[in-house]
Amino acid sequence: MESVKDYRSVADAVAAEIGAGRLKAGERLPTQREFARQYGIANSTATRVYQELARRGLTEGHVGRGTFVRDTSGTAAPPAPALSEPAGSRVDLELNYPVVPEQAELLAAGLGGLLRPGRLEPVLRPVGAAG
């Protein structure tokens, strides 16, 4: 059975092509449908790959013209995961970022208060018939 390709691994492969200079700035990528055929993936997966490449700042799409490799020379690092975006900014929830570098520390700090004696007993006590 052929393994299913994750959009991130395909995006990583394309990013590597861009990083190695095999895909040059200004070069037009194939249509998403053609891209899907070339990589043996679903059209919906190709759409996610293109979205991920744009999120990383590696490509930009123009309606009616196509998707092009951006000139990334002299640019800052790719955008951080949506979880670290400033308050009040729009967050794209279409892509999932399950892990942030300091996730373990943040979780431990958030749950630390629950570990103190007497904190959980009131909420875990059986509720009477009256509710």
Protein backbone atom coordinates (compact mmCIF):
# COMPACT_ATOMS: atom_id res chain seq x y z
CA MET A 1 0.00 0.00 0.00
CA GLU A 2 1.35 3.44 -0.96
CA SER A 3 1.79 5.83 1.93
CA VAL A 4 -0.20 9.06 2.04
CA LYS A 5 1.92 12.18 1.61
CA ASP A 6 1.42 14.83 4.26
CA TYR A 7 1.15 18.37 2.87
CA ARG A 8 3.95 19.52 5.20
CA SER A 9 6.41 16.98 3.82
CA VAL A 10 5.56 18.04 0.26
CA ALA A 11 5.89 21.72 1.26
CA ASP A 12 9.25 20.91 2.86
CA ALA A 13 10.40 19.28 -0.40
CA VAL A 14 9.38 22.32 -2.45
CA ALA A 15 10.98 24.65 0.12
CA ALA A 16 14.20 22.65 -0.22
CA GLU A 17 14.02 23.08 -4.02
CA ILE A 18 13.66 26.84 -3.52
CA GLY A 19 16.45 26.92 -0.94
CA ALA A 20 18.79 25.00 -3.24
CA GLY A 21 18.05 27.38 -6.12
CA ARG A 22 16.41 24.76 -8.32
CA LEU A 23 13.25 26.89 -8.20
CA LYS A 24 14.24 30.49 -8.76
CA ALA A 25 12.62 33.76 -7.67
CA GLY A 26 9.91 34.77 -10.10
CA GLU A 27 9.46 31.24 -11.43
CA ARG A 28 5.83 30.24 -11.89
CA LEU A 29 4.72 27.05 -10.14
CA PRO A 30 2.35 24.71 -11.98
CA THR A 31 -1.37 25.00 -11.39
CA GLN A 32 -2.48 23.26 -8.24
CA ARG A 33 -4.13 20.52 -10.28
CA GLU A 34 -0.94 19.90 -12.28
CA PHE A 35 1.13 20.08 -9.09
CA ALA A 36 -1.12 17.44 -7.53
CA ARG A 37 -0.59 15.17 -10.54
CA GLN A 38 3.20 15.67 -10.48
CA TYR A 39 3.45 14.81 -6.77
CA GLY A 40 0.78 12.11 -6.76
CA ILE A 41 -1.35 13.92 -4.18
CA ALA A 42 -4.97 15.03 -3.95
CA ASN A 43 -5.96 18.46 -5.26
CA SER A 44 -6.94 19.48 -1.72
CA THR A 45 -3.47 18.50 -0.49
CA ALA A 46 -1.89 20.59 -3.26
CA THR A 47 -3.99 23.55 -2.10
CA ARG A 48 -2.68 23.11 1.45
CA VAL A 49 0.90 22.85 0.15
CA TYR A 50 0.50 26.15 -1.72
CA GLN A 51 -1.02 27.78 1.37
CA GLU A 52 1.84 26.53 3.53
CA LEU A 53 4.45 27.81 1.07
CA ALA A 54 2.74 31.22 1.07
CA ARG A 55 2.59 31.20 4.88
CA ARG A 56 6.32 30.56 4.97
CA GLY A 57 6.83 33.54 2.68
CA LEU A 58 8.28 31.42 -0.12
CA THR A 59 5.58 31.97 -2.74
CA GLU A 60 2.87 34.45 -3.63
CA GLY A 61 -0.26 33.84 -5.62
CA HIS A 62 -1.90 36.20 -8.08
CA VAL A 63 -5.48 35.50 -9.14
CA GLY A 64 -5.57 34.71 -12.82
CA ARG A 65 -1.78 34.63 -13.15
CA GLY A 66 -0.63 31.81 -10.90
CA THR A 67 1.69 31.17 -7.98
CA PHE A 68 5.27 32.42 -8.13
CA VAL A 69 8.43 31.83 -6.10
CA ARG A 70 9.23 34.93 -4.06
CA ASP A 71 12.64 36.50 -3.84
CA THR A 72 13.63 35.51 -0.31
CA SER A 73 17.17 36.89 -0.38
CA GLY A 74 17.65 39.33 2.45
CA THR A 75 14.31 38.59 4.09
CA ALA A 76 13.62 37.75 7.69
CA ALA A 77 12.92 34.28 9.01
CA PRO A 78 9.61 32.67 8.06
CA PRO A 79 6.56 33.62 10.13
CA ALA A 80 6.24 32.03 13.54
CA PRO A 81 3.33 29.71 14.27
CA ALA A 82 -0.06 31.37 14.60
CA LEU A 83 -0.01 30.80 18.37
CA SER A 84 2.67 33.46 18.77
CA GLU A 85 0.98 36.16 16.71
CA PRO A 86 0.26 39.42 18.53
CA ALA A 87 -3.09 39.87 20.21
CA GLY A 88 -5.67 41.44 17.97
CA SER A 89 -4.17 40.08 14.78
CA ARG A 90 -6.12 37.76 12.54
CA VAL A 91 -5.17 34.10 13.09
CA ASP A 92 -5.43 31.62 10.24
CA LEU A 93 -6.87 28.50 11.87
CA GLU A 94 -6.86 26.51 8.64
CA LEU A 95 -3.36 25.21 9.34
CA ASN A 96 -2.72 23.39 12.59
CA TYR A 97 0.35 24.09 14.71
CA PRO A 98 0.27 21.41 17.41
CA VAL A 99 3.66 22.19 18.95
CA VAL A 100 5.38 25.44 19.84
CA PRO A 101 8.96 25.33 21.12
CA GLU A 102 8.05 26.22 24.71
CA GLN A 103 4.77 24.28 24.83
CA ALA A 104 5.83 21.98 27.69
CA GLU A 105 6.83 24.90 29.92
CA LEU A 106 3.63 26.81 29.13
CA LEU A 107 1.49 23.77 29.90
CA ALA A 108 3.36 23.06 33.14
CA ALA A 109 2.94 26.67 34.27
CA GLY A 110 -0.76 26.65 33.43
CA LEU A 111 -1.47 23.38 35.17
CA GLY A 112 0.92 23.90 38.08
CA GLY A 113 -1.72 25.59 40.21
CA LEU A 114 -3.98 22.56 39.95
CA LEU A 115 -1.34 20.38 41.60
CA ARG A 116 -1.54 22.22 44.91
CA PRO A 117 -3.37 20.30 47.65
CA GLY A 118 -7.01 21.23 48.00
CA ARG A 119 -7.36 22.81 44.52
CA LEU A 120 -9.12 19.96 42.72
CA GLU A 121 -11.22 18.45 45.50
CA PRO A 122 -14.06 21.02 45.26
CA VAL A 123 -14.56 20.46 41.54
CA LEU A 124 -14.17 16.68 41.66
CA ARG A 125 -16.58 16.11 44.54
CA PRO A 126 -19.82 14.29 43.66
CA VAL A 127 -22.70 16.63 43.00
CA GLY A 128 -25.84 16.21 45.05
CA ALA A 129 -29.24 15.38 43.56
CA ALA A 130 -30.21 19.06 43.55
CA GLY A 131 -27.24 19.83 41.28
